[in-house]
Amino acid sequence: MKIEHEKYRHYIGYLVVPFYFEKIVEWSVIIIDSAEQEEKTNCVIPIWKKYTLSVQEAAEYFGFSDKKIRKIVDEHENDNFILWNGTRPRIKRQLFEKFVDEKLTAI
């Protein structure tokens, strides 16, 4: 049985499992059109809600230059506001906000 909808294609059928189960299982498959799937995957999280920021995002968010953010990262490599993704630093936004408030007086 095949049900057509403008956005979905829905197939309903029966799957016969091996004889030792002695039952027939009904199955259903919904295939989402690629256009709708792209809509769902293109969600953008606002920068102020992100847990970690890239160096470029942190520079934009805090109003510092990329070079200044990289210098802070190099000076504080082992601090808890930096998360390393391989060789790339990710900055934990809330912890870096506390660091900026408490430690930095001049840039």
Protein backbone atom coordinates (compact mmCIF):
# COMPACT_ATOMS: atom_id res chain seq x y z
CA MET A 1 0.00 0.00 0.00
CA LYS A 2 1.40 3.41 -0.94
CA ILE A 3 0.14 6.75 0.39
CA GLU A 4 1.25 9.91 -1.43
CA HIS A 5 1.32 13.29 0.24
CA GLU A 6 2.77 16.51 -1.15
CA LYS A 7 5.72 16.40 1.28
CA TYR A 8 5.88 12.75 2.32
CA ARG A 9 5.80 9.38 0.69
CA HIS A 10 4.44 6.81 3.12
CA TYR A 11 4.78 3.08 2.51
CA ILE A 12 2.97 0.49 4.58
CA GLY A 13 3.59 -3.19 4.17
CA TYR A 14 4.13 -6.46 5.93
CA LEU A 15 7.43 -8.05 6.82
CA VAL A 16 7.53 -11.78 7.33
CA VAL A 17 10.11 -12.68 9.94
CA PRO A 18 11.73 -16.13 10.20
CA PHE A 19 9.39 -19.02 11.00
CA TYR A 20 10.60 -19.47 14.57
CA PHE A 21 9.03 -16.12 15.54
CA GLU A 22 5.68 -17.26 14.11
CA LYS A 23 4.33 -13.80 13.53
CA ILE A 24 4.01 -11.19 10.86
CA VAL A 25 5.18 -7.71 11.68
CA GLU A 26 3.63 -4.62 10.10
CA TRP A 27 6.12 -1.99 9.03
CA SER A 28 5.85 1.58 7.94
CA VAL A 29 8.39 3.87 6.27
CA ILE A 30 8.14 7.62 5.87
CA ILE A 31 10.49 9.20 3.37
CA ILE A 32 10.92 12.94 3.78
CA ASP A 33 11.58 14.93 0.65
CA SER A 34 15.09 16.35 0.53
CA ALA A 35 13.85 19.98 0.45
CA GLU A 36 12.14 19.62 3.83
CA GLN A 37 15.11 17.74 5.27
CA GLU A 38 17.39 20.63 4.25
CA GLU A 39 15.07 23.07 6.03
CA LYS A 40 15.43 21.10 9.26
CA THR A 41 19.23 20.86 9.05
CA ASN A 42 19.79 24.55 8.32
CA CYS A 43 18.97 25.73 11.82
CA VAL A 44 21.27 28.48 13.06
CA ILE A 45 21.97 28.76 16.78
CA PRO A 46 22.38 32.36 17.92
CA ILE A 47 25.91 33.17 19.08
CA TRP A 48 24.75 34.13 22.60
CA LYS A 49 23.23 30.65 23.10
CA LYS A 50 26.25 28.63 21.94
CA TYR A 51 28.26 26.76 24.57
CA THR A 52 31.57 27.08 22.71
CA LEU A 53 32.74 29.66 20.20
CA SER A 54 35.39 29.55 17.51
CA VAL A 55 38.13 32.19 17.65
CA GLN A 56 36.33 34.24 14.99
CA GLU A 57 32.96 33.98 16.80
CA ALA A 58 34.59 34.93 20.11
CA ALA A 59 36.23 37.96 18.48
CA GLU A 60 32.87 39.05 17.09
CA TYR A 61 31.01 38.38 20.34
CA PHE A 62 33.48 40.08 22.70
CA GLY A 63 34.59 42.85 20.37
CA PHE A 64 38.26 41.82 20.40
CA SER A 65 40.38 41.14 17.34
CA ASP A 66 41.16 37.61 16.21
CA LYS A 67 44.82 38.20 17.05
CA LYS A 68 43.97 39.23 20.62
CA ILE A 69 41.78 36.15 21.16
CA ARG A 70 44.57 33.91 19.80
CA LYS A 71 47.11 35.63 22.07
CA ILE A 72 44.88 35.02 25.12
CA VAL A 73 44.48 31.37 24.05
CA ASP A 74 48.27 30.98 23.67
CA GLU A 75 48.89 32.52 27.10
CA HIS A 76 46.20 30.43 28.83
CA GLU A 77 46.35 27.12 26.93
CA ASN A 78 45.49 25.00 29.97
CA ASP A 79 42.78 27.17 31.51
CA ASN A 80 39.29 25.77 31.84
CA PHE A 81 37.69 28.25 29.38
CA ILE A 82 39.46 26.65 26.42
CA LEU A 83 38.32 23.37 24.89
CA TRP A 84 40.72 21.86 22.36
CA ASN A 85 39.25 20.19 19.29
CA GLY A 86 42.44 18.60 18.00
CA THR A 87 44.68 21.62 17.42
CA ARG A 88 41.81 24.10 17.20
CA PRO A 89 40.73 25.98 20.30
CA ARG A 90 37.05 26.40 21.14
CA ILE A 91 36.24 29.04 23.76
CA LYS A 92 33.65 28.22 26.40
CA ARG A 93 31.56 31.36 26.25
CA GLN A 94 30.33 31.67 29.84
CA LEU A 95 33.68 30.76 31.42
CA PHE A 96 35.49 33.19 29.11
CA GLU A 97 32.99 35.91 30.08
CA LYS A 98 33.93 35.35 33.74
CA PHE A 99 37.64 35.40 32.84
CA VAL A 100 37.23 38.70 30.99
CA ASP A 101 35.24 40.23 33.85
CA GLU A 102 37.65 39.13 36.57
CA LYS A 103 41.12 39.08 35.01
CA LEU A 104 41.26 41.54 32.12
CA THR A 105 41.48 45.22 32.95
CA ALA A 106 43.11 46.42 29.72
CA ILE A 107 43.42 44.90 26.31
